[in-house]
């Protein structure tokens, strides 16, 4: 085989390789397009009220965050050692109010 023929044969094999890779990528793209889509959870935006205060026997202050739309209460405090907010507790006020009215009947 002459050097020019060898060069052309190598070029053709390179083109075939690129076509094969592009076909594979196109197949992956098509498979991703047909895959099921994830939807948002649909939870409406909350309306928040925050209150800072102290807890008896605890050194760091606590921030209570009330989501008025979803009727949820979260208590957090800042941990200097960890450099992050630490959750102290969560309450569903809607569940609490249902439970308290059931106890009265």
PDB file of N, CA and C in Angstrom:
ATOM      1  N   UNK A   1       0.850  -1.163   0.000  1.00  0.00           N
ATOM      2  CA  UNK A   1       0.000   0.000   0.000  1.00  0.00           C
ATOM      3  C   UNK A   1       0.906   1.240   0.000  1.00  0.00           C
ATOM      4  N   UNK A   2       0.560   2.204  -0.795  1.00  0.00           N
ATOM      5  CA  UNK A   2       1.333   3.431  -0.889  1.00  0.00           C
ATOM      6  C   UNK A   2       1.026   4.325   0.311  1.00  0.00           C
ATOM      7  N   UNK A   3       1.929   5.235   0.618  1.00  0.00           N
ATOM      8  CA  UNK A   3       1.694   6.135   1.763  1.00  0.00           C
ATOM      9  C   UNK A   3       0.418   6.969   1.607  1.00  0.00           C
ATOM     10  N   UNK A   4       0.117   7.387   0.406  1.00  0.00           N
ATOM     11  CA  UNK A   4      -1.093   8.193   0.187  1.00  0.00           C
ATOM     12  C   UNK A   4      -2.348   7.356   0.415  1.00  0.00           C
ATOM     13  N   UNK A   5      -2.350   6.102  -0.036  1.00  0.00           N
ATOM     14  CA  UNK A   5      -3.497   5.209   0.165  1.00  0.00           C
ATOM     15  C   UNK A   5      -3.678   4.900   1.654  1.00  0.00           C
ATOM     16  N   UNK A   6      -2.544   4.721   2.343  1.00  0.00           N
ATOM     17  CA  UNK A   6      -2.597   4.467   3.784  1.00  0.00           C
ATOM     18  C   UNK A   6      -3.211   5.662   4.515  1.00  0.00           C
ATOM     19  N   UNK A   7      -2.828   6.858   4.102  1.00  0.00           N
ATOM     20  CA  UNK A   7      -3.361   8.077   4.714  1.00  0.00           C
ATOM     21  C   UNK A   7      -4.870   8.184   4.481  1.00  0.00           C
ATOM     22  N   UNK A   8      -5.315   7.901   3.268  1.00  0.00           N
ATOM     23  CA  UNK A   8      -6.758   7.942   2.955  1.00  0.00           C
ATOM     24  C   UNK A   8      -7.526   6.888   3.740  1.00  0.00           C
ATOM     25  N   UNK A   9      -6.950   5.688   3.887  1.00  0.00           N
ATOM     26  CA  UNK A   9      -7.608   4.621   4.645  1.00  0.00           C
ATOM     27  C   UNK A   9      -7.729   5.017   6.110  1.00  0.00           C
ATOM     28  N   UNK A  10      -6.697   5.639   6.653  1.00  0.00           N
ATOM     29  CA  UNK A  10      -6.718   6.072   8.047  1.00  0.00           C
ATOM     30  C   UNK A  10      -7.758   7.188   8.223  1.00  0.00           C
ATOM     31  N   UNK A  11      -7.856   8.087   7.272  1.00  0.00           N
ATOM     32  CA  UNK A  11      -8.824   9.179   7.331  1.00  0.00           C
ATOM     33  C   UNK A  11     -10.249   8.623   7.295  1.00  0.00           C
ATOM     34  N   UNK A  12     -10.504   7.625   6.431  1.00  0.00           N
ATOM     35  CA  UNK A  12     -11.833   7.016   6.346  1.00  0.00           C
ATOM     36  C   UNK A  12     -12.203   6.312   7.651  1.00  0.00           C
ATOM     37  N   UNK A  13     -11.246   5.641   8.272  1.00  0.00           N
ATOM     38  CA  UNK A  13     -11.549   4.967   9.537  1.00  0.00           C
ATOM     39  C   UNK A  13     -11.826   5.994  10.636  1.00  0.00           C
ATOM     40  N   UNK A  14     -11.131   7.138  10.599  1.00  0.00           N
ATOM     41  CA  UNK A  14     -11.396   8.207  11.567  1.00  0.00           C
ATOM     42  C   UNK A  14     -12.785   8.798  11.391  1.00  0.00           C
ATOM     43  N   UNK A  15     -13.185   8.974  10.127  1.00  0.00           N
ATOM     44  CA  UNK A  15     -14.522   9.500   9.846  1.00  0.00           C
ATOM     45  C   UNK A  15     -15.576   8.503  10.302  1.00  0.00           C
ATOM     46  N   UNK A  16     -15.351   7.227  10.060  1.00  0.00           N
ATOM     47  CA  UNK A  16     -16.297   6.197  10.507  1.00  0.00           C
ATOM     48  C   UNK A  16     -16.408   6.202  12.029  1.00  0.00           C
ATOM     49  N   UNK A  17     -15.274   6.384  12.710  1.00  0.00           N
ATOM     50  CA  UNK A  17     -15.281   6.423  14.180  1.00  0.00           C
ATOM     51  C   UNK A  17     -16.086   7.628  14.672  1.00  0.00           C
ATOM     52  N   UNK A  18     -15.882   8.795  14.061  1.00  0.00           N
ATOM     53  CA  UNK A  18     -16.638   9.989  14.455  1.00  0.00           C
ATOM     54  C   UNK A  18     -18.135   9.814  14.205  1.00  0.00           C
ATOM     55  N   UNK A  19     -18.486   9.194  13.086  1.00  0.00           N
ATOM     56  CA  UNK A  19     -19.895   8.928  12.808  1.00  0.00           C
ATOM     57  C   UNK A  19     -20.494   7.984  13.846  1.00  0.00           C
ATOM     58  N   UNK A  20     -19.735   6.969  14.240  1.00  0.00           N
ATOM     59  CA  UNK A  20     -20.220   6.025  15.239  1.00  0.00           C
ATOM     60  C   UNK A  20     -20.408   6.706  16.599  1.00  0.00           C
ATOM     61  N   UNK A  21     -19.451   7.555  16.988  1.00  0.00           N
ATOM     62  CA  UNK A  21     -19.559   8.264  18.267  1.00  0.00           C
ATOM     63  C   UNK A  21     -20.748   9.217  18.232  1.00  0.00           C
ATOM     64  N   UNK A  22     -20.921   9.943  17.136  1.00  0.00           N
ATOM     65  CA  UNK A  22     -22.064  10.857  17.026  1.00  0.00           C
ATOM     66  C   UNK A  22     -23.383  10.101  17.048  1.00  0.00           C
ATOM     67  N   UNK A  23     -23.451   8.953  16.411  1.00  0.00           N
ATOM     68  CA  UNK A  23     -24.673   8.143  16.443  1.00  0.00           C
ATOM     69  C   UNK A  23     -24.968   7.675  17.863  1.00  0.00           C
ATOM     70  N   UNK A  24     -23.927   7.267  18.588  1.00  0.00           N
ATOM     71  CA  UNK A  24     -24.115   6.828  19.979  1.00  0.00           C
ATOM     72  C   UNK A  24     -24.596   7.987  20.844  1.00  0.00           C
ATOM     73  N   UNK A  25     -24.005   9.164  20.676  1.00  0.00           N
ATOM     74  CA  UNK A  25     -24.433  10.329  21.454  1.00  0.00           C
ATOM     75  C   UNK A  25     -25.869  10.729  21.114  1.00  0.00           C
ATOM     76  N   UNK A  26     -26.228  10.627  19.860  1.00  0.00           N
ATOM     77  CA  UNK A  26     -27.594  10.926  19.450  1.00  0.00           C
ATOM     78  C   UNK A  26     -28.583   9.936  20.063  1.00  0.00           C
ATOM     79  N   UNK A  27     -28.191   8.669  20.140  1.00  0.00           N
ATOM     80  CA  UNK A  27     -29.049   7.654  20.757  1.00  0.00           C
ATOM     81  C   UNK A  27     -29.227   7.941  22.249  1.00  0.00           C
ATOM     82  N   UNK A  28     -28.151   8.338  22.934  1.00  0.00           N
ATOM     83  CA  UNK A  28     -28.247   8.668  24.368  1.00  0.00           C
ATOM     84  C   UNK A  28     -29.138   9.882  24.558  1.00  0.00           C
ATOM     85  N   UNK A  29     -28.977  10.889  23.714  1.00  0.00           N
ATOM     86  CA  UNK A  29     -29.814  12.083  23.809  1.00  0.00           C
ATOM     87  C   UNK A  29     -31.286  11.738  23.585  1.00  0.00           C
ATOM     88  N   UNK A  30     -31.563  10.872  22.616  1.00  0.00           N
ATOM     89  CA  UNK A  30     -32.939  10.443  22.377  1.00  0.00           C
ATOM     90  C   UNK A  30     -33.508   9.669  23.550  1.00  0.00           C
ATOM     91  N   UNK A  31     -32.694   8.807  24.167  1.00  0.00           N
ATOM     92  CA  UNK A  31     -33.153   8.043  25.329  1.00  0.00           C
ATOM     93  C   UNK A  31     -33.450   8.966  26.502  1.00  0.00           C
ATOM     94  N   UNK A  32     -32.631   9.998  26.682  1.00  0.00           N
ATOM     95  CA  UNK A  32     -32.873  10.945  27.777  1.00  0.00           C
ATOM     96  C   UNK A  32     -34.146  11.746  27.522  1.00  0.00           C
ATOM     97  N   UNK A  33     -34.422  12.040  26.279  1.00  0.00           N
ATOM     98  CA  UNK A  33     -35.616  12.803  25.931  1.00  0.00           C
ATOM     99  C   UNK A  33     -36.880  11.991  26.211  1.00  0.00           C
ATOM    100  N   UNK A  34     -36.808  10.671  26.054  1.00  0.00           N
ATOM    101  CA  UNK A  34     -37.964   9.805  26.272  1.00  0.00           C
ATOM    102  C   UNK A  34     -38.124   9.388  27.733  1.00  0.00           C
ATOM    103  N   UNK A  35     -37.101   9.635  28.553  1.00  0.00           N
ATOM    104  CA  UNK A  35     -37.145   9.246  29.969  1.00  0.00           C
ATOM    105  C   UNK A  35     -38.216  10.075  30.687  1.00  0.00           C
ATOM    106  N   UNK A  36     -38.800   9.526  31.758  1.00  0.00           N
ATOM    107  CA  UNK A  36     -39.815  10.289  32.500  1.00  0.00           C
ATOM    108  C   UNK A  36     -39.217  11.553  33.108  1.00  0.00           C
ATOM    109  N   UNK A  37     -39.996  12.597  33.136  1.00  0.00           N
ATOM    110  CA  UNK A  37     -39.547  13.887  33.645  1.00  0.00           C
ATOM    111  C   UNK A  37     -39.930  14.028  35.111  1.00  0.00           C
ATOM    112  N   UNK A  38     -39.073  14.686  35.876  1.00  0.00           N
ATOM    113  CA  UNK A  38     -39.362  14.965  37.280  1.00  0.00           C
ATOM    114  C   UNK A  38     -40.166  16.260  37.364  1.00  0.00           C
ATOM    115  N   UNK A  39     -41.213  16.249  38.161  1.00  0.00           N
ATOM    116  CA  UNK A  39     -42.041  17.436  38.338  1.00  0.00           C
ATOM    117  C   UNK A  39     -41.759  18.056  39.700  1.00  0.00           C
ATOM    118  N   UNK A  40     -42.012  19.337  39.808  1.00  0.00           N
ATOM    119  CA  UNK A  40     -41.861  20.020  41.090  1.00  0.00           C
ATOM    120  C   UNK A  40     -42.917  19.497  42.056  1.00  0.00           C
ATOM    121  N   UNK A  41     -42.643  19.640  43.329  1.00  0.00           N
ATOM    122  CA  UNK A  41     -43.560  19.118  44.340  1.00  0.00           C
ATOM    123  C   UNK A  41     -44.856  19.909  44.425  1.00  0.00           C
ATOM    124  N   UNK A  42     -44.839  21.122  43.975  1.00  0.00           N
ATOM    125  CA  UNK A  42     -46.075  21.899  43.972  1.00  0.00           C
ATOM    126  C   UNK A  42     -46.460  22.481  45.313  1.00  0.00           C
ATOM    127  N   UNK A  43     -45.534  22.575  46.242  1.00  0.00           N
ATOM    128  CA  UNK A  43     -45.825  23.173  47.532  1.00  0.00           C
ATOM    129  C   UNK A  43     -45.781  24.690  47.386  1.00  0.00           C
ATOM    130  N   UNK A  44     -46.850  25.385  47.797  1.00  0.00           N
ATOM    131  CA  UNK A  44     -46.854  26.843  47.648  1.00  0.00           C
ATOM    132  C   UNK A  44     -45.824  27.501  48.562  1.00  0.00           C
ATOM    133  N   UNK A  45     -45.435  28.687  48.194  1.00  0.00           N
ATOM    134  CA  UNK A  45     -44.443  29.435  48.963  1.00  0.00           C
ATOM    135  C   UNK A  45     -44.997  29.775  50.342  1.00  0.00           C
ATOM    136  N   UNK A  46     -44.147  29.690  51.341  1.00  0.00           N
ATOM    137  CA  UNK A  46     -44.563  29.980  52.699  1.00  0.00           C
ATOM    138  C   UNK A  46     -44.496  31.466  53.011  1.00  0.00           C
ATOM    139  N   UNK A  47     -45.063  31.815  54.135  1.00  0.00           N
ATOM    140  CA  UNK A  47     -44.979  33.176  54.645  1.00  0.00           C
ATOM    141  C   UNK A  47     -44.413  33.045  56.056  1.00  0.00           C
ATOM    142  N   UNK A  48     -43.251  33.647  56.298  1.00  0.00           N
ATOM    143  CA  UNK A  48     -42.478  33.334  57.485  1.00  0.00           C
ATOM    144  C   UNK A  48     -42.460  34.473  58.494  1.00  0.00           C
ATOM    145  N   UNK A  49     -42.398  34.062  59.757  1.00  0.00           N
ATOM    146  CA  UNK A  49     -42.223  34.967  60.874  1.00  0.00           C
ATOM    147  C   UNK A  49     -41.099  34.379  61.713  1.00  0.00           C
ATOM    148  N   UNK A  50     -40.102  35.214  62.069  1.00  0.00           N
ATOM    149  CA  UNK A  50     -38.974  34.716  62.870  1.00  0.00           C
ATOM    150  C   UNK A  50     -38.910  35.487  64.180  1.00  0.00           C
ATOM    151  N   UNK A  51     -38.570  34.755  65.240  1.00  0.00           N
ATOM    152  CA  UNK A  51     -38.481  35.338  66.561  1.00  0.00           C
ATOM    153  C   UNK A  51     -37.254  34.785  67.257  1.00  0.00           C
ATOM    154  N   UNK A  52     -36.386  35.646  67.743  1.00  0.00           N
ATOM    155  CA  UNK A  52     -35.183  35.219  68.460  1.00  0.00           C
ATOM    156  C   UNK A  52     -35.448  35.274  69.953  1.00  0.00           C
ATOM    157  N   UNK A  53     -34.804  34.386  70.682  1.00  0.00           N
ATOM    158  CA  UNK A  53     -34.980  34.372  72.123  1.00  0.00           C
ATOM    159  C   UNK A  53     -34.003  33.430  72.784  1.00  0.00           C
ATOM    160  N   UNK A  54     -34.151  33.299  74.082  1.00  0.00           N
ATOM    161  CA  UNK A  54     -33.290  32.425  74.865  1.00  0.00           C
ATOM    162  C   UNK A  54     -34.110  31.285  75.442  1.00  0.00           C
ATOM    163  N   UNK A  55     -33.441  30.165  75.626  1.00  0.00           N
ATOM    164  CA  UNK A  55     -34.066  29.002  76.256  1.00  0.00           C
ATOM    165  C   UNK A  55     -33.386  28.806  77.602  1.00  0.00           C
ATOM    166  N   UNK A  56     -34.167  28.567  78.645  1.00  0.00           N
ATOM    167  CA  UNK A  56     -33.597  28.372  79.974  1.00  0.00           C
ATOM    168  C   UNK A  56     -32.630  27.193  79.964  1.00  0.00           C
ATOM    169  N   UNK A  57     -31.431  27.434  80.449  1.00  0.00           N
ATOM    170  CA  UNK A  57     -30.431  26.371  80.539  1.00  0.00           C
ATOM    171  C   UNK A  57     -29.614  26.179  79.272  1.00  0.00           C
ATOM    172  N   UNK A  58     -29.886  26.932  78.237  1.00  0.00           N
ATOM    173  CA  UNK A  58     -29.128  26.812  76.990  1.00  0.00           C
ATOM    174  C   UNK A  58     -28.364  28.107  76.757  1.00  0.00           C
ATOM    175  N   UNK A  59     -27.084  27.992  76.384  1.00  0.00           N
ATOM    176  CA  UNK A  59     -26.268  29.180  76.180  1.00  0.00           C
ATOM    177  C   UNK A  59     -26.570  29.894  74.857  1.00  0.00           C
ATOM    178  N   UNK A  60     -26.573  29.191  73.718  1.00  0.00           N
ATOM    179  CA  UNK A  60     -26.825  29.943  72.480  1.00  0.00           C
ATOM    180  C   UNK A  60     -28.288  30.356  72.367  1.00  0.00           C
ATOM    181  N   UNK A  61     -28.492  31.479  71.708  1.00  0.00           N
ATOM    182  CA  UNK A  61     -29.867  31.913  71.490  1.00  0.00           C
ATOM    183  C   UNK A  61     -30.526  31.020  70.450  1.00  0.00           C
ATOM    184  N   UNK A  62     -31.851  31.038  70.482  1.00  0.00           N
ATOM    185  CA  UNK A  62     -32.643  30.205  69.584  1.00  0.00           C
ATOM    186  C   UNK A  62     -33.460  31.117  68.676  1.00  0.00           C
ATOM    187  N   UNK A  63     -33.628  30.693  67.438  1.00  0.00           N
ATOM    188  CA  UNK A  63     -34.507  31.396  66.509  1.00  0.00           C
ATOM    189  C   UNK A  63     -35.647  30.455  66.171  1.00  0.00           C
ATOM    190  N   UNK A  64     -36.877  30.924  66.413  1.00  0.00           N
ATOM    191  CA  UNK A  64     -38.060  30.156  66.038  1.00  0.00           C
ATOM    192  C   UNK A  64     -38.530  30.705  64.693  1.00  0.00           C
ATOM    193  N   UNK A  65     -38.763  29.825  63.747  1.00  0.00           N
ATOM    194  CA  UNK A  65     -39.226  30.213  62.418  1.00  0.00           C
ATOM    195  C   UNK A  65     -40.604  29.585  62.217  1.00  0.00           C
ATOM    196  N   UNK A  66     -41.594  30.451  62.024  1.00  0.00           N
ATOM    197  CA  UNK A  66     -42.967  30.000  61.845  1.00  0.00           C
ATOM    198  C   UNK A  66     -43.366  30.192  60.384  1.00  0.00           C
ATOM    199  N   UNK A  67     -43.777  29.111  59.738  1.00  0.00           N
ATOM    200  CA  UNK A  67     -44.331  29.178  58.392  1.00  0.00           C
ATOM    201  C   UNK A  67     -45.842  29.271  58.568  1.00  0.00           C
ATOM    202  N   UNK A  68     -46.383  30.455  58.335  1.00  0.00           N
ATOM    203  CA  UNK A  68     -47.799  30.692  58.603  1.00  0.00           C
ATOM    204  C   UNK A  68     -48.702  30.006  57.585  1.00  0.00           C
ATOM    205  N   UNK A  69     -48.227  29.807  56.371  1.00  0.00           N
ATOM    206  CA  UNK A  69     -49.043  29.170  55.336  1.00  0.00           C
ATOM    207  C   UNK A  69     -49.203  27.683  55.622  1.00  0.00           C
ATOM    208  N   UNK A  70     -48.110  27.025  55.963  1.00  0.00           N
ATOM    209  CA  UNK A  70     -48.138  25.570  56.185  1.00  0.00           C
ATOM    210  C   UNK A  70     -48.285  25.192  57.659  1.00  0.00           C
ATOM    211  N   UNK A  71     -48.352  26.197  58.511  1.00  0.00           N
ATOM    212  CA  UNK A  71     -48.534  25.996  59.957  1.00  0.00           C
ATOM    213  C   UNK A  71     -47.475  25.055  60.530  1.00  0.00           C
ATOM    214  N   UNK A  72     -46.217  25.427  60.301  1.00  0.00           N
ATOM    215  CA  UNK A  72     -45.087  24.642  60.809  1.00  0.00           C
ATOM    216  C   UNK A  72     -44.155  25.558  61.589  1.00  0.00           C
ATOM    217  N   UNK A  73     -43.558  25.017  62.638  1.00  0.00           N
ATOM    218  CA  UNK A  73     -42.649  25.775  63.491  1.00  0.00           C
ATOM    219  C   UNK A  73     -41.333  25.016  63.606  1.00  0.00           C
ATOM    220  N   UNK A  74     -40.221  25.725  63.383  1.00  0.00           N
ATOM    221  CA  UNK A  74     -38.885  25.136  63.481  1.00  0.00           C
ATOM    222  C   UNK A  74     -38.064  25.985  64.439  1.00  0.00           C
ATOM    223  N   UNK A  75     -37.289  25.337  65.287  1.00  0.00           N
ATOM    224  CA  UNK A  75     -36.379  26.041  66.191  1.00  0.00           C
ATOM    225  C   UNK A  75     -34.948  25.688  65.796  1.00  0.00           C
ATOM    226  N   UNK A  76     -34.099  26.715  65.639  1.00  0.00           N
ATOM    227  CA  UNK A  76     -32.700  26.505  65.261  1.00  0.00           C
ATOM    228  C   UNK A  76     -31.807  27.380  66.129  1.00  0.00           C
ATOM    229  N   UNK A  77     -30.542  26.979  66.237  1.00  0.00           N
ATOM    230  CA  UNK A  77     -29.545  27.810  66.907  1.00  0.00           C
ATOM    231  C   UNK A  77     -28.232  27.683  66.137  1.00  0.00           C
ATOM    232  N   UNK A  78     -27.336  28.637  66.380  1.00  0.00           N
ATOM    233  CA  UNK A  78     -26.051  28.650  65.688  1.00  0.00           C
ATOM    234  C   UNK A  78     -25.016  27.905  66.516  1.00  0.00           C
ATOM    235  N   UNK A  79     -24.330  26.950  65.898  1.00  0.00           N
ATOM    236  CA  UNK A  79     -23.257  26.210  66.559  1.00  0.00           C
ATOM    237  C   UNK A  79     -21.927  26.794  66.103  1.00  0.00           C
ATOM    238  N   UNK A  80     -21.203  27.422  67.039  1.00  0.00           N
ATOM    239  CA  UNK A  80     -19.892  27.993  66.692  1.00  0.00           C
ATOM    240  C   UNK A  80     -18.881  26.910  66.370  1.00  0.00           C
ATOM    241  N   UNK A  81     -18.961  25.780  67.072  1.00  0.00           N
ATOM    242  CA  UNK A  81     -18.008  24.689  66.840  1.00  0.00           C
ATOM    243  C   UNK A  81     -18.143  24.132  65.428  1.00  0.00           C
ATOM    244  N   UNK A  82     -19.363  23.945  64.977  1.00  0.00           N
ATOM    245  CA  UNK A  82     -19.611  23.361  63.657  1.00  0.00           C
ATOM    246  C   UNK A  82     -19.741  24.409  62.566  1.00  0.00           C
ATOM    247  N   UNK A  83     -19.981  25.662  62.940  1.00  0.00           N
ATOM    248  CA  UNK A  83     -20.115  26.735  61.967  1.00  0.00           C
ATOM    249  C   UNK A  83     -21.366  26.611  61.112  1.00  0.00           C
ATOM    250  N   UNK A  84     -22.460  26.161  61.737  1.00  0.00           N
ATOM    251  CA  UNK A  84     -23.699  25.983  60.979  1.00  0.00           C
ATOM    252  C   UNK A  84     -24.904  26.072  61.902  1.00  0.00           C
ATOM    253  N   UNK A  85     -26.067  26.247  61.284  1.00  0.00           N
ATOM    254  CA  UNK A  85     -27.316  26.226  62.045  1.00  0.00           C
ATOM    255  C   UNK A  85     -27.642  24.790  62.428  1.00  0.00           C
ATOM    256  N   UNK A  86     -28.087  24.612  63.631  1.00  0.00           N
ATOM    257  CA  UNK A  86     -28.451  23.281  64.125  1.00  0.00           C
ATOM    258  C   UNK A  86     -29.941  23.290  64.437  1.00  0.00           C
ATOM    259  N   UNK A  87     -30.652  22.344  63.860  1.00  0.00           N
ATOM    260  CA  UNK A  87     -32.077  22.230  64.134  1.00  0.00           C
ATOM    261  C   UNK A  87     -32.317  21.678  65.525  1.00  0.00           C
ATOM    262  N   UNK A  88     -33.167  22.346  66.284  1.00  0.00           N
ATOM    263  CA  UNK A  88     -33.469  21.907  67.646  1.00  0.00           C
ATOM    264  C   UNK A  88     -34.814  21.195  67.737  1.00  0.00           C
ATOM    265  N   UNK A  89     -35.724  21.555  66.836  1.00  0.00           N
ATOM    266  CA  UNK A  89     -37.031  20.915  66.896  1.00  0.00           C
ATOM    267  C   UNK A  89     -37.939  21.377  65.788  1.00  0.00           C
ATOM    268  N   UNK A  90     -38.966  20.588  65.530  1.00  0.00           N
ATOM    269  CA  UNK A  90     -39.969  20.878  64.502  1.00  0.00           C
ATOM    270  C   UNK A  90     -41.335  20.501  65.039  1.00  0.00           C
ATOM    271  N   UNK A  91     -42.313  21.336  64.762  1.00  0.00           N
ATOM    272  CA  UNK A  91     -43.696  21.031  65.144  1.00  0.00           C
ATOM    273  C   UNK A  91     -44.617  21.379  63.993  1.00  0.00           C
ATOM    274  N   UNK A  92     -45.568  20.525  63.750  1.00  0.00           N
ATOM    275  CA  UNK A  92     -46.638  20.834  62.814  1.00  0.00           C
ATOM    276  C   UNK A  92     -47.798  21.367  63.652  1.00  0.00           C
ATOM    277  N   UNK A  93     -48.029  22.651  63.564  1.00  0.00           N
ATOM    278  CA  UNK A  93     -49.084  23.264  64.364  1.00  0.00           C
ATOM    279  C   UNK A  93     -50.465  22.791  63.919  1.00  0.00           C
ATOM    280  N   UNK A  94     -50.610  22.479  62.646  1.00  0.00           N
ATOM    281  CA  UNK A  94     -51.890  21.959  62.150  1.00  0.00           C
ATOM    282  C   UNK A  94     -52.190  20.617  62.805  1.00  0.00           C
ATOM    283  N   UNK A  95     -51.190  19.735  62.899  1.00  0.00           N
ATOM    284  CA  UNK A  95     -51.393  18.431  63.553  1.00  0.00           C
ATOM    285  C   UNK A  95     -51.667  18.601  65.038  1.00  0.00           C
ATOM    286  N   UNK A  96     -50.949  19.545  65.670  1.00  0.00           N
ATOM    287  CA  UNK A  96     -51.167  19.788  67.096  1.00  0.00           C
ATOM    288  C   UNK A  96     -52.581  20.287  67.373  1.00  0.00           C
ATOM    289  N   UNK A  97     -53.097  21.163  66.504  1.00  0.00           N
ATOM    290  CA  UNK A  97     -54.437  21.696  66.752  1.00  0.00           C
ATOM    291  C   UNK A  97     -55.497  20.618  66.535  1.00  0.00           C
ATOM    292  N   UNK A  98     -55.294  19.722  65.580  1.00  0.00           N
ATOM    293  CA  UNK A  98     -56.223  18.620  65.370  1.00  0.00           C
ATOM    294  C   UNK A  98     -56.209  17.685  66.570  1.00  0.00           C
ATOM    295  N   UNK A  99     -55.007  17.383  67.072  1.00  0.00           N
ATOM    296  CA  UNK A  99     -54.877  16.483  68.227  1.00  0.00           C
ATOM    297  C   UNK A  99     -55.489  17.092  69.465  1.00  0.00           C
ATOM    298  N   UNK A 100     -55.345  18.400  69.647  1.00  0.00           N
ATOM    299  CA  UNK A 100     -55.902  19.010  70.859  1.00  0.00           C
ATOM    300  C   UNK A 100     -57.423  19.066  70.812  1.00  0.00           C
ATOM    301  N   UNK A 101     -58.010  19.242  69.639  1.00  0.00           N
ATOM    302  CA  UNK A 101     -59.477  19.257  69.565  1.00  0.00           C
ATOM    303  C   UNK A 101     -60.043  17.862  69.710  1.00  0.00           C
ATOM    304  N   UNK A 102     -59.298  16.831  69.303  1.00  0.00           N
ATOM    305  CA  UNK A 102     -59.759  15.448  69.493  1.00  0.00           C
ATOM    306  C   UNK A 102     -59.770  15.078  70.954  1.00  0.00           C
ATOM    307  N   UNK A 103     -58.828  15.618  71.717  1.00  0.00           N
ATOM    308  CA  UNK A 103     -58.750  15.310  73.137  1.00  0.00           C
ATOM    309  C   UNK A 103     -59.903  15.907  73.943  1.00  0.00           C
ATOM    310  N   UNK A 104     -60.545  16.915  73.424  1.00  0.00           N
ATOM    311  CA  UNK A 104     -61.636  17.576  74.145  1.00  0.00           C
ATOM    312  C   UNK A 104     -62.970  16.860  73.965  1.00  0.00           C
ATOM    313  N   UNK A 105     -63.099  16.057  72.958  1.00  0.00           N
ATOM    314  CA  UNK A 105     -64.379  15.366  72.703  1.00  0.00           C
ATOM    315  C   UNK A 105     -64.564  14.159  73.548  1.00  0.00           C
TER     316      UNK A 105
END
